Amino acid sequence: MQQNKRQRQIASEIKHKLGEYFIREGKTLTGDSLVSVARVEMSPDLQYANIYISIYPDTDEGEDIFEKIRENIKQIRMFVARNIRLRLAPEIRIFKDESMEYADRINKILRDLGE
């Protein structure tokens, strides 16, 4: 999705602030797991923020952590609203980043072809 300069600036700020959130305040949600904000995509009207997160290690516990994060989406939105100066806080939608799993599948296919 092509984003304009304003969308990229806000997405970058949200990514940075949420990274801090998961390090400091989100420990009750994440426990000992590392949660990384892989990317943020803003809608053209800045009303929606699609946030893609990665959870390490990616185990069954990672699924539970992902669900806890999704259940606390209002708290995360309030954090964004308090820490980023916008007229309206964007509606937050959280997705699991699948890029690492996709890269692993491609690497496995390439290794299998080489044998």
PDB file of N, CA and C in Angstrom:
ATOM      1  N   MET A   1       0.838  -1.162   0.000  1.00  0.00           N
ATOM      2  CA  MET A   1       0.000   0.000   0.000  1.00  0.00           C
ATOM      3  C   MET A   1       0.896   1.242   0.000  1.00  0.00           C
ATOM      4  N   GLN A   2       0.714   2.113  -0.963  1.00  0.00           N
ATOM      5  CA  GLN A   2       1.488   3.344  -1.064  1.00  0.00           C
ATOM      6  C   GLN A   2       0.950   4.360  -0.059  1.00  0.00           C
ATOM      7  N   GLN A   3       1.834   4.937   0.742  1.00  0.00           N
ATOM      8  CA  GLN A   3       1.418   5.903   1.743  1.00  0.00           C
ATOM      9  C   GLN A   3       2.073   7.242   1.475  1.00  0.00           C
ATOM     10  N   ASN A   4       1.347   8.317   1.775  1.00  0.00           N
ATOM     11  CA  ASN A   4       1.935   9.636   1.597  1.00  0.00           C
ATOM     12  C   ASN A   4       2.835   9.970   2.791  1.00  0.00           C
ATOM     13  N   LYS A   5       3.468  11.125   2.729  1.00  0.00           N
ATOM     14  CA  LYS A   5       4.448  11.499   3.740  1.00  0.00           C
ATOM     15  C   LYS A   5       3.830  11.571   5.135  1.00  0.00           C
ATOM     16  N   ARG A   6       2.668  12.159   5.257  1.00  0.00           N
ATOM     17  CA  ARG A   6       2.004  12.292   6.557  1.00  0.00           C
ATOM     18  C   ARG A   6       1.659  10.915   7.143  1.00  0.00           C
ATOM     19  N   GLN A   7       1.165  10.017   6.304  1.00  0.00           N
ATOM     20  CA  GLN A   7       0.851   8.656   6.768  1.00  0.00           C
ATOM     21  C   GLN A   7       2.118   7.964   7.275  1.00  0.00           C
ATOM     22  N   ARG A   8       3.209   8.105   6.526  1.00  0.00           N
ATOM     23  CA  ARG A   8       4.471   7.476   6.935  1.00  0.00           C
ATOM     24  C   ARG A   8       4.988   8.059   8.243  1.00  0.00           C
ATOM     25  N   GLN A   9       4.870   9.377   8.423  1.00  0.00           N
ATOM     26  CA  GLN A   9       5.334  10.012   9.656  1.00  0.00           C
ATOM     27  C   GLN A   9       4.551   9.509  10.866  1.00  0.00           C
ATOM     28  N   ILE A  10       3.243   9.485  10.736  1.00  0.00           N
ATOM     29  CA  ILE A  10       2.410   9.041  11.852  1.00  0.00           C
ATOM     30  C   ILE A  10       2.633   7.557  12.115  1.00  0.00           C
ATOM     31  N   ALA A  11       2.727   6.759  11.063  1.00  0.00           N
ATOM     32  CA  ALA A  11       2.976   5.323  11.227  1.00  0.00           C
ATOM     33  C   ALA A  11       4.297   5.088  11.950  1.00  0.00           C
ATOM     34  N   SER A  12       5.311   5.849  11.589  1.00  0.00           N
ATOM     35  CA  SER A  12       6.617   5.712  12.226  1.00  0.00           C
ATOM     36  C   SER A  12       6.541   6.087  13.707  1.00  0.00           C
ATOM     37  N   GLU A  13       5.826   7.149  14.022  1.00  0.00           N
ATOM     38  CA  GLU A  13       5.685   7.569  15.418  1.00  0.00           C
ATOM     39  C   GLU A  13       4.911   6.531  16.233  1.00  0.00           C
ATOM     40  N   ILE A  14       3.847   5.999  15.667  1.00  0.00           N
ATOM     41  CA  ILE A  14       3.074   4.968  16.361  1.00  0.00           C
ATOM     42  C   ILE A  14       3.936   3.726  16.584  1.00  0.00           C
ATOM     43  N   LYS A  15       4.690   3.330  15.581  1.00  0.00           N
ATOM     44  CA  LYS A  15       5.566   2.155  15.704  1.00  0.00           C
ATOM     45  C   LYS A  15       6.567   2.357  16.839  1.00  0.00           C
ATOM     46  N   HIS A  16       7.163   3.526  16.890  1.00  0.00           N
ATOM     47  CA  HIS A  16       8.151   3.835  17.929  1.00  0.00           C
ATOM     48  C   HIS A  16       7.514   3.808  19.320  1.00  0.00           C
ATOM     49  N   LYS A  17       6.376   4.468  19.469  1.00  0.00           N
ATOM     50  CA  LYS A  17       5.711   4.545  20.774  1.00  0.00           C
ATOM     51  C   LYS A  17       5.197   3.178  21.230  1.00  0.00           C
ATOM     52  N   LEU A  18       4.664   2.385  20.311  1.00  0.00           N
ATOM     53  CA  LEU A  18       4.186   1.056  20.697  1.00  0.00           C
ATOM     54  C   LEU A  18       5.343   0.134  21.064  1.00  0.00           C
ATOM     55  N   GLY A  19       6.484   0.327  20.421  1.00  0.00           N
ATOM     56  CA  GLY A  19       7.669  -0.427  20.813  1.00  0.00           C
ATOM     57  C   GLY A  19       8.021  -0.147  22.266  1.00  0.00           C
ATOM     58  N   GLU A  20       7.979   1.129  22.637  1.00  0.00           N
ATOM     59  CA  GLU A  20       8.223   1.507  24.028  1.00  0.00           C
ATOM     60  C   GLU A  20       7.149   0.915  24.950  1.00  0.00           C
ATOM     61  N   TYR A  21       5.911   0.951  24.496  1.00  0.00           N
ATOM     62  CA  TYR A  21       4.799   0.432  25.295  1.00  0.00           C
ATOM     63  C   TYR A  21       5.012  -1.049  25.625  1.00  0.00           C
ATOM     64  N   PHE A  22       5.366  -1.849  24.627  1.00  0.00           N
ATOM     65  CA  PHE A  22       5.532  -3.281  24.864  1.00  0.00           C
ATOM     66  C   PHE A  22       6.753  -3.576  25.720  1.00  0.00           C
ATOM     67  N   ILE A  23       7.740  -2.696  25.708  1.00  0.00           N
ATOM     68  CA  ILE A  23       8.911  -2.894  26.560  1.00  0.00           C
ATOM     69  C   ILE A  23       8.598  -2.523  28.000  1.00  0.00           C
ATOM     70  N   ARG A  24       7.933  -1.385  28.202  1.00  0.00           N
ATOM     71  CA  ARG A  24       7.710  -0.871  29.553  1.00  0.00           C
ATOM     72  C   ARG A  24       6.405  -1.337  30.174  1.00  0.00           C
ATOM     73  N   GLU A  25       5.291  -0.931  29.563  1.00  0.00           N
ATOM     74  CA  GLU A  25       3.989  -1.126  30.192  1.00  0.00           C
ATOM     75  C   GLU A  25       3.313  -2.428  29.798  1.00  0.00           C
ATOM     76  N   GLY A  26       3.713  -3.007  28.711  1.00  0.00           N
ATOM     77  CA  GLY A  26       3.031  -4.190  28.213  1.00  0.00           C
ATOM     78  C   GLY A  26       3.518  -5.495  28.794  1.00  0.00           C
ATOM     79  N   LYS A  27       4.418  -5.449  29.768  1.00  0.00           N
ATOM     80  CA  LYS A  27       4.959  -6.681  30.353  1.00  0.00           C
ATOM     81  C   LYS A  27       3.866  -7.538  30.992  1.00  0.00           C
ATOM     82  N   THR A  28       2.789  -6.916  31.457  1.00  0.00           N
ATOM     83  CA  THR A  28       1.702  -7.709  32.032  1.00  0.00           C
ATOM     84  C   THR A  28       1.022  -8.548  30.956  1.00  0.00           C
ATOM     85  N   LEU A  29       1.062  -8.069  29.718  1.00  0.00           N
ATOM     86  CA  LEU A  29       0.468  -8.813  28.601  1.00  0.00           C
ATOM     87  C   LEU A  29       1.435  -9.829  28.020  1.00  0.00           C
ATOM     88  N   THR A  30       2.711  -9.450  27.938  1.00  0.00           N
ATOM     89  CA  THR A  30       3.668 -10.259  27.187  1.00  0.00           C
ATOM     90  C   THR A  30       4.509 -11.193  28.042  1.00  0.00           C
ATOM     91  N   GLY A  31       4.600 -10.937  29.334  1.00  0.00           N
ATOM     92  CA  GLY A  31       5.436 -11.779  30.187  1.00  0.00           C
ATOM     93  C   GLY A  31       6.889 -11.681  29.769  1.00  0.00           C
ATOM     94  N   ASP A  32       7.540 -12.829  29.586  1.00  0.00           N
ATOM     95  CA  ASP A  32       8.952 -12.845  29.200  1.00  0.00           C
ATOM     96  C   ASP A  32       9.156 -12.844  27.694  1.00  0.00           C
ATOM     97  N   SER A  33       8.087 -12.886  26.933  1.00  0.00           N
ATOM     98  CA  SER A  33       8.209 -12.901  25.473  1.00  0.00           C
ATOM     99  C   SER A  33       8.526 -11.513  24.952  1.00  0.00           C
ATOM    100  N   LEU A  34       9.182 -11.480  23.821  1.00  0.00           N
ATOM    101  CA  LEU A  34       9.525 -10.223  23.163  1.00  0.00           C
ATOM    102  C   LEU A  34       8.473  -9.935  22.101  1.00  0.00           C
ATOM    103  N   VAL A  35       7.859  -8.775  22.198  1.00  0.00           N
ATOM    104  CA  VAL A  35       6.880  -8.351  21.194  1.00  0.00           C
ATOM    105  C   VAL A  35       7.497  -7.205  20.418  1.00  0.00           C
ATOM    106  N   SER A  36       7.529  -7.363  19.116  1.00  0.00           N
ATOM    107  CA  SER A  36       8.120  -6.371  18.229  1.00  0.00           C
ATOM    108  C   SER A  36       7.060  -5.861  17.265  1.00  0.00           C
ATOM    109  N   VAL A  37       7.018  -4.550  17.072  1.00  0.00           N
ATOM    110  CA  VAL A  37       6.109  -3.964  16.096  1.00  0.00           C
ATOM    111  C   VAL A  37       6.832  -3.987  14.755  1.00  0.00           C
ATOM    112  N   ALA A  38       6.397  -4.867  13.857  1.00  0.00           N
ATOM    113  CA  ALA A  38       7.067  -5.053  12.573  1.00  0.00           C
ATOM    114  C   ALA A  38       6.792  -3.882  11.629  1.00  0.00           C
ATOM    115  N   ARG A  39       5.525  -3.461  11.546  1.00  0.00           N
ATOM    116  CA  ARG A  39       5.187  -2.314  10.695  1.00  0.00           C
ATOM    117  C   ARG A  39       3.822  -1.783  11.084  1.00  0.00           C
ATOM    118  N   VAL A  40       3.593  -0.543  10.693  1.00  0.00           N
ATOM    119  CA  VAL A  40       2.312   0.116  10.920  1.00  0.00           C
ATOM    120  C   VAL A  40       1.884   0.729   9.597  1.00  0.00           C
ATOM    121  N   GLU A  41       0.645   0.495   9.219  1.00  0.00           N
ATOM    122  CA  GLU A  41       0.086   1.084   7.999  1.00  0.00           C
ATOM    123  C   GLU A  41      -1.105   1.940   8.382  1.00  0.00           C
ATOM    124  N   MET A  42      -1.099   3.177   7.931  1.00  0.00           N
ATOM    125  CA  MET A  42      -2.187   4.104   8.216  1.00  0.00           C
ATOM    126  C   MET A  42      -3.123   4.194   7.019  1.00  0.00           C
ATOM    127  N   SER A  43      -4.417   4.351   7.296  1.00  0.00           N
ATOM    128  CA  SER A  43      -5.381   4.585   6.218  1.00  0.00           C
ATOM    129  C   SER A  43      -5.181   6.009   5.700  1.00  0.00           C
ATOM    130  N   PRO A  44      -5.605   6.294   4.476  1.00  0.00           N
ATOM    131  CA  PRO A  44      -5.409   7.642   3.918  1.00  0.00           C
ATOM    132  C   PRO A  44      -6.025   8.759   4.766  1.00  0.00           C
ATOM    133  N   ASP A  45      -7.132   8.484   5.453  1.00  0.00           N
ATOM    134  CA  ASP A  45      -7.763   9.509   6.281  1.00  0.00           C
ATOM    135  C   ASP A  45      -7.254   9.497   7.732  1.00  0.00           C
ATOM    136  N   LEU A  46      -6.253   8.664   8.015  1.00  0.00           N
ATOM    137  CA  LEU A  46      -5.619   8.537   9.333  1.00  0.00           C
ATOM    138  C   LEU A  46      -6.582   8.065  10.422  1.00  0.00           C
ATOM    139  N   GLN A  47      -7.679   7.457  10.030  1.00  0.00           N
ATOM    140  CA  GLN A  47      -8.670   6.965  10.983  1.00  0.00           C
ATOM    141  C   GLN A  47      -8.316   5.570  11.512  1.00  0.00           C
ATOM    142  N   TYR A  48      -7.553   4.804  10.746  1.00  0.00           N
ATOM    143  CA  TYR A  48      -7.231   3.425  11.105  1.00  0.00           C
ATOM    144  C   TYR A  48      -5.730   3.200  11.041  1.00  0.00           C
ATOM    145  N   ALA A  49      -5.238   2.443  12.005  1.00  0.00           N
ATOM    146  CA  ALA A  49      -3.839   2.031  12.021  1.00  0.00           C
ATOM    147  C   ALA A  49      -3.804   0.510  12.063  1.00  0.00           C
ATOM    148  N   ASN A  50      -3.255  -0.092  11.024  1.00  0.00           N
ATOM    149  CA  ASN A  50      -3.052  -1.542  10.999  1.00  0.00           C
ATOM    150  C   ASN A  50      -1.659  -1.801  11.550  1.00  0.00           C
ATOM    151  N   ILE A  51      -1.606  -2.519  12.655  1.00  0.00           N
ATOM    152  CA  ILE A  51      -0.340  -2.761  13.338  1.00  0.00           C
ATOM    153  C   ILE A  51      -0.015  -4.240  13.233  1.00  0.00           C
ATOM    154  N   TYR A  52       1.178  -4.535  12.723  1.00  0.00           N
ATOM    155  CA  TYR A  52       1.644  -5.907  12.548  1.00  0.00           C
ATOM    156  C   TYR A  52       2.721  -6.176  13.587  1.00  0.00           C
ATOM    157  N   ILE A  53       2.488  -7.192  14.425  1.00  0.00           N
ATOM    158  CA  ILE A  53       3.437  -7.499  15.489  1.00  0.00           C
ATOM    159  C   ILE A  53       4.013  -8.902  15.325  1.00  0.00           C
ATOM    160  N   SER A  54       5.225  -9.055  15.830  1.00  0.00           N
ATOM    161  CA  SER A  54       5.886 -10.361  15.884  1.00  0.00           C
ATOM    162  C   SER A  54       6.116 -10.697  17.351  1.00  0.00           C
ATOM    163  N   ILE A  55       5.928 -11.953  17.687  1.00  0.00           N
ATOM    164  CA  ILE A  55       6.124 -12.405  19.056  1.00  0.00           C
ATOM    165  C   ILE A  55       7.204 -13.475  19.052  1.00  0.00           C
ATOM    166  N   TYR A  56       8.239 -13.277  19.892  1.00  0.00           N
ATOM    167  CA  TYR A  56       9.343 -14.225  19.997  1.00  0.00           C
ATOM    168  C   TYR A  56       9.418 -14.741  21.424  1.00  0.00           C
ATOM    169  N   PRO A  57       9.598 -15.978  21.691  1.00  0.00           N
ATOM    170  CA  PRO A  57       9.588 -17.063  20.716  1.00  0.00           C
ATOM    171  C   PRO A  57       8.160 -17.355  20.282  1.00  0.00           C
ATOM    172  N   ASP A  58       8.029 -17.791  19.049  1.00  0.00           N
ATOM    173  CA  ASP A  58       6.708 -18.055  18.471  1.00  0.00           C
ATOM    174  C   ASP A  58       6.289 -19.486  18.826  1.00  0.00           C
ATOM    175  N   THR A  59       5.669 -19.606  19.985  1.00  0.00           N
ATOM    176  CA  THR A  59       5.203 -20.908  20.471  1.00  0.00           C
ATOM    177  C   THR A  59       3.698 -20.819  20.685  1.00  0.00           C
ATOM    178  N   ASP A  60       3.133 -21.861  21.289  1.00  0.00           N
ATOM    179  CA  ASP A  60       1.709 -21.817  21.628  1.00  0.00           C
ATOM    180  C   ASP A  60       1.416 -20.678  22.594  1.00  0.00           C
ATOM    181  N   GLU A  61       2.374 -20.369  23.449  1.00  0.00           N
ATOM    182  CA  GLU A  61       2.222 -19.245  24.370  1.00  0.00           C
ATOM    183  C   GLU A  61       2.126 -17.932  23.597  1.00  0.00           C
ATOM    184  N   GLY A  62       2.782 -17.863  22.440  1.00  0.00           N
ATOM    185  CA  GLY A  62       2.715 -16.679  21.596  1.00  0.00           C
ATOM    186  C   GLY A  62       1.304 -16.388  21.133  1.00  0.00           C
ATOM    187  N   GLU A  63       0.540 -17.430  20.863  1.00  0.00           N
ATOM    188  CA  GLU A  63      -0.868 -17.253  20.468  1.00  0.00           C
ATOM    189  C   GLU A  63      -1.678 -16.674  21.614  1.00  0.00           C
ATOM    190  N   ASP A  64      -1.412 -17.140  22.833  1.00  0.00           N
ATOM    191  CA  ASP A  64      -2.106 -16.603  24.003  1.00  0.00           C
ATOM    192  C   ASP A  64      -1.760 -15.129  24.209  1.00  0.00           C
ATOM    193  N   ILE A  65      -0.497 -14.792  24.028  1.00  0.00           N
ATOM    194  CA  ILE A  65      -0.065 -13.401  24.168  1.00  0.00           C
ATOM    195  C   ILE A  65      -0.731 -12.534  23.113  1.00  0.00           C
ATOM    196  N   PHE A  66      -0.792 -13.034  21.885  1.00  0.00           N
ATOM    197  CA  PHE A  66      -1.441 -12.284  20.802  1.00  0.00           C
ATOM    198  C   PHE A  66      -2.905 -12.009  21.149  1.00  0.00           C
ATOM    199  N   GLU A  67      -3.590 -12.996  21.689  1.00  0.00           N
ATOM    200  CA  GLU A  67      -4.994 -12.810  22.071  1.00  0.00           C
ATOM    201  C   GLU A  67      -5.136 -11.817  23.219  1.00  0.00           C
ATOM    202  N   LYS A  68      -4.211 -11.849  24.192  1.00  0.00           N
ATOM    203  CA  LYS A  68      -4.242 -10.881  25.288  1.00  0.00           C
ATOM    204  C   LYS A  68      -4.068  -9.459  24.747  1.00  0.00           C
ATOM    205  N   ILE A  69      -3.160  -9.312  23.798  1.00  0.00           N
ATOM    206  CA  ILE A  69      -2.933  -7.993  23.209  1.00  0.00           C
ATOM    207  C   ILE A  69      -4.195  -7.517  22.503  1.00  0.00           C
ATOM    208  N   ARG A  70      -4.829  -8.392  21.744  1.00  0.00           N
ATOM    209  CA  ARG A  70      -6.053  -8.008  21.032  1.00  0.00           C
ATOM    210  C   ARG A  70      -7.186  -7.674  21.999  1.00  0.00           C
ATOM    211  N   GLU A  71      -7.248  -8.375  23.135  1.00  0.00           N
ATOM    212  CA  GLU A  71      -8.276  -8.089  24.133  1.00  0.00           C
ATOM    213  C   GLU A  71      -8.072  -6.724  24.791  1.00  0.00           C
ATOM    214  N   ASN A  72      -6.835  -6.255  24.826  1.00  0.00           N
ATOM    215  CA  ASN A  72      -6.505  -4.976  25.464  1.00  0.00           C
ATOM    216  C   ASN A  72      -6.292  -3.862  24.451  1.00  0.00           C
ATOM    217  N   ILE A  73      -6.940  -3.954  23.331  1.00  0.00           N
ATOM    218  CA  ILE A  73      -6.742  -2.989  22.254  1.00  0.00           C
ATOM    219  C   ILE A  73      -7.184  -1.576  22.657  1.00  0.00           C
ATOM    220  N   LYS A  74      -8.200  -1.463  23.514  1.00  0.00           N
ATOM    221  CA  LYS A  74      -8.646  -0.139  23.970  1.00  0.00           C
ATOM    222  C   LYS A  74      -7.562   0.547  24.791  1.00  0.00           C
ATOM    223  N   GLN A  75      -6.909  -0.212  25.639  1.00  0.00           N
ATOM    224  CA  GLN A  75      -5.821   0.332  26.448  1.00  0.00           C
ATOM    225  C   GLN A  75      -4.669   0.794  25.542  1.00  0.00           C
ATOM    226  N   ILE A  76      -4.374   0.030  24.516  1.00  0.00           N
ATOM    227  CA  ILE A  76      -3.309   0.387  23.586  1.00  0.00           C
ATOM    228  C   ILE A  76      -3.692   1.653  22.827  1.00  0.00           C
ATOM    229  N   ARG A  77      -4.945   1.754  22.411  1.00  0.00           N
ATOM    230  CA  ARG A  77      -5.401   2.958  21.699  1.00  0.00           C
ATOM    231  C   ARG A  77      -5.302   4.188  22.604  1.00  0.00           C
ATOM    232  N   MET A  78      -5.663   4.036  23.880  1.00  0.00           N
ATOM    233  CA  MET A  78      -5.547   5.160  24.814  1.00  0.00           C
ATOM    234  C   MET A  78      -4.087   5.581  24.979  1.00  0.00           C
ATOM    235  N   PHE A  79      -3.179   4.617  25.012  1.00  0.00           N
ATOM    236  CA  PHE A  79      -1.755   4.936  25.099  1.00  0.00           C
ATOM    237  C   PHE A  79      -1.322   5.746  23.885  1.00  0.00           C
ATOM    238  N   VAL A  80      -1.746   5.326  22.698  1.00  0.00           N
ATOM    239  CA  VAL A  80      -1.408   6.057  21.470  1.00  0.00           C
ATOM    240  C   VAL A  80      -1.985   7.473  21.532  1.00  0.00           C
ATOM    241  N   ALA A  81      -3.227   7.601  21.957  1.00  0.00           N
ATOM    242  CA  ALA A  81      -3.875   8.908  22.035  1.00  0.00           C
ATOM    243  C   ALA A  81      -3.138   9.847  22.993  1.00  0.00           C
ATOM    244  N   ARG A  82      -2.653   9.324  24.116  1.00  0.00           N
ATOM    245  CA  ARG A  82      -1.941  10.157  25.090  1.00  0.00           C
ATOM    246  C   ARG A  82      -0.551  10.559  24.621  1.00  0.00           C
ATOM    247  N   ASN A  83       0.072   9.731  23.789  1.00  0.00           N
ATOM    248  CA  ASN A  83       1.476   9.953  23.461  1.00  0.00           C
ATOM    249  C   ASN A  83       1.743  10.498  22.057  1.00  0.00           C
ATOM    250  N   ILE A  84       0.724  10.587  21.238  1.00  0.00           N
ATOM    251  CA  ILE A  84       0.908  11.115  19.886  1.00  0.00           C
ATOM    252  C   ILE A  84      -0.120  12.212  19.671  1.00  0.00           C
ATOM    253  N   ARG A  85       0.346  13.353  19.214  1.00  0.00           N
ATOM    254  CA  ARG A  85      -0.545  14.499  19.034  1.00  0.00           C
ATOM    255  C   ARG A  85      -1.279  14.392  17.706  1.00  0.00           C
ATOM    256  N   LEU A  86      -2.516  13.954  17.800  1.00  0.00           N
ATOM    257  CA  LEU A  86      -3.398  13.872  16.645  1.00  0.00           C
ATOM    258  C   LEU A  86      -4.762  14.412  17.062  1.00  0.00           C
ATOM    259  N   ARG A  87      -5.502  14.894  16.094  1.00  0.00           N
ATOM    260  CA  ARG A  87      -6.847  15.376  16.397  1.00  0.00           C
ATOM    261  C   ARG A  87      -7.709  14.239  16.941  1.00  0.00           C
ATOM    262  N   LEU A  88      -7.660  13.104  16.258  1.00  0.00           N
ATOM    263  CA  LEU A  88      -8.389  11.909  16.683  1.00  0.00           C
ATOM    264  C   LEU A  88      -7.417  10.739  16.748  1.00  0.00           C
ATOM    265  N   ALA A  89      -7.548   9.941  17.782  1.00  0.00           N
ATOM    266  CA  ALA A  89      -6.719   8.737  17.861  1.00  0.00           C
ATOM    267  C   ALA A  89      -7.245   7.725  16.849  1.00  0.00           C
ATOM    268  N   PRO A  90      -6.367   7.130  16.083  1.00  0.00           N
ATOM    269  CA  PRO A  90      -6.833   6.160  15.080  1.00  0.00           C
ATOM    270  C   PRO A  90      -7.377   4.890  15.729  1.00  0.00           C
ATOM    271  N   GLU A  91      -8.316   4.290  15.054  1.00  0.00           N
ATOM    272  CA  GLU A  91      -8.819   2.981  15.457  1.00  0.00           C
ATOM    273  C   GLU A  91      -7.699   1.981  15.177  1.00  0.00           C
ATOM    274  N   ILE A  92      -7.383   1.156  16.164  1.00  0.00           N
ATOM    275  CA  ILE A  92      -6.241   0.254  16.032  1.00  0.00           C
ATOM    276  C   ILE A  92      -6.717  -1.144  15.701  1.00  0.00           C
ATOM    277  N   ARG A  93      -6.069  -1.717  14.689  1.00  0.00           N
ATOM    278  CA  ARG A  93      -6.312  -3.118  14.328  1.00  0.00           C
ATOM    279  C   ARG A  93      -4.961  -3.824  14.381  1.00  0.00           C
ATOM    280  N   ILE A  94      -4.903  -4.907  15.124  1.00  0.00           N
ATOM    281  CA  ILE A  94      -3.633  -5.607  15.323  1.00  0.00           C
ATOM    282  C   ILE A  94      -3.670  -6.941  14.590  1.00  0.00           C
ATOM    283  N   PHE A  95      -2.587  -7.197  13.861  1.00  0.00           N
ATOM    284  CA  PHE A  95      -2.432  -8.434  13.112  1.00  0.00           C
ATOM    285  C   PHE A  95      -1.095  -9.062  13.462  1.00  0.00           C
ATOM    286  N   LYS A  96      -1.019 -10.358  13.317  1.00  0.00           N
ATOM    287  CA  LYS A  96       0.247 -11.068  13.527  1.00  0.00           C
ATOM    288  C   LYS A  96       1.060 -10.975  12.245  1.00  0.00           C
ATOM    289  N   ASP A  97       2.314 -10.568  12.378  1.00  0.00           N
ATOM    290  CA  ASP A  97       3.200 -10.461  11.221  1.00  0.00           C
ATOM    291  C   ASP A  97       3.660 -11.854  10.824  1.00  0.00           C
ATOM    292  N   GLU A  98       3.365 -12.233   9.598  1.00  0.00           N
ATOM    293  CA  GLU A  98       3.683 -13.573   9.103  1.00  0.00           C
ATOM    294  C   GLU A  98       4.928 -13.594   8.214  1.00  0.00           C
ATOM    295  N   SER A  99       5.646 -12.493   8.130  1.00  0.00           N
ATOM    296  CA  SER A  99       6.762 -12.420   7.184  1.00  0.00           C
ATOM    297  C   SER A  99       7.892 -13.392   7.522  1.00  0.00           C
ATOM    298  N   MET A 100       8.176 -13.614   8.810  1.00  0.00           N
ATOM    299  CA  MET A 100       9.252 -14.540   9.173  1.00  0.00           C
ATOM    300  C   MET A 100       8.883 -15.980   8.806  1.00  0.00           C
ATOM    301  N   GLU A 101       7.629 -16.358   9.053  1.00  0.00           N
ATOM    302  CA  GLU A 101       7.194 -17.701   8.692  1.00  0.00           C
ATOM    303  C   GLU A 101       7.225 -17.886   7.174  1.00  0.00           C
ATOM    304  N   TYR A 102       6.829 -16.844   6.458  1.00  0.00           N
ATOM    305  CA  TYR A 102       6.850 -16.889   4.991  1.00  0.00           C
ATOM    306  C   TYR A 102       8.291 -17.055   4.488  1.00  0.00           C
ATOM    307  N   ALA A 103       9.211 -16.309   5.056  1.00  0.00           N
ATOM    308  CA  ALA A 103      10.618 -16.410   4.662  1.00  0.00           C
ATOM    309  C   ALA A 103      11.173 -17.802   4.971  1.00  0.00           C
ATOM    310  N   ASP A 104      10.795 -18.360   6.118  1.00  0.00           N
ATOM    311  CA  ASP A 104      11.238 -19.717   6.470  1.00  0.00           C
ATOM    312  C   ASP A 104      10.716 -20.749   5.470  1.00  0.00           C
ATOM    313  N   ARG A 105       9.447 -20.603   5.051  1.00  0.00           N
ATOM    314  CA  ARG A 105       8.879 -21.537   4.058  1.00  0.00           C
ATOM    315  C   ARG A 105       9.620 -21.432   2.732  1.00  0.00           C
ATOM    316  N   ILE A 106       9.924 -20.221   2.290  1.00  0.00           N
ATOM    317  CA  ILE A 106      10.643 -20.023   1.026  1.00  0.00           C
ATOM    318  C   ILE A 106      12.037 -20.645   1.124  1.00  0.00           C
ATOM    319  N   ASN A 107      12.727 -20.403   2.237  1.00  0.00           N
ATOM    320  CA  ASN A 107      14.062 -20.986   2.418  1.00  0.00           C
ATOM    321  C   ASN A 107      14.015 -22.506   2.411  1.00  0.00           C
ATOM    322  N   LYS A 108      13.002 -23.087   3.034  1.00  0.00           N
ATOM    323  CA  LYS A 108      12.863 -24.548   3.049  1.00  0.00           C
ATOM    324  C   LYS A 108      12.634 -25.067   1.636  1.00  0.00           C
ATOM    325  N   ILE A 109      11.787 -24.398   0.884  1.00  0.00           N
ATOM    326  CA  ILE A 109      11.535 -24.820  -0.509  1.00  0.00           C
ATOM    327  C   ILE A 109      12.809 -24.747  -1.328  1.00  0.00           C
ATOM    328  N   LEU A 110      13.566 -23.668  -1.177  1.00  0.00           N
ATOM    329  CA  LEU A 110      14.827 -23.516  -1.919  1.00  0.00           C
ATOM    330  C   LEU A 110      15.839 -24.590  -1.521  1.00  0.00           C
ATOM    331  N   ARG A 111      15.903 -24.908  -0.230  1.00  0.00           N
ATOM    332  CA  ARG A 111      16.818 -25.982   0.211  1.00  0.00           C
ATOM    333  C   ARG A 111      16.407 -27.314  -0.376  1.00  0.00           C
ATOM    334  N   ASP A 112      15.084 -27.584  -0.374  1.00  0.00           N
ATOM    335  CA  ASP A 112      14.583 -28.839  -0.930  1.00  0.00           C
ATOM    336  C   ASP A 112      14.857 -28.949  -2.430  1.00  0.00           C
ATOM    337  N   LEU A 113      14.784 -27.843  -3.144  1.00  0.00           N
ATOM    338  CA  LEU A 113      15.080 -27.852  -4.582  1.00  0.00           C
ATOM    339  C   LEU A 113      16.550 -28.126  -4.848  1.00  0.00           C
ATOM    340  N   GLY A 114      17.413 -27.660  -3.933  1.00  0.00           N
ATOM    341  CA  GLY A 114      18.853 -27.843  -4.093  1.00  0.00           C
ATOM    342  C   GLY A 114      19.305 -29.268  -3.836  1.00  0.00           C
ATOM    343  N   GLU A 115      18.496 -30.080  -3.191  1.00  0.00           N
ATOM    344  CA  GLU A 115      18.901 -31.450  -2.867  1.00  0.00           C
ATOM    345  C   GLU A 115      18.650 -32.402  -3.999  1.00  0.00           C
TER     346      GLU A 115
END
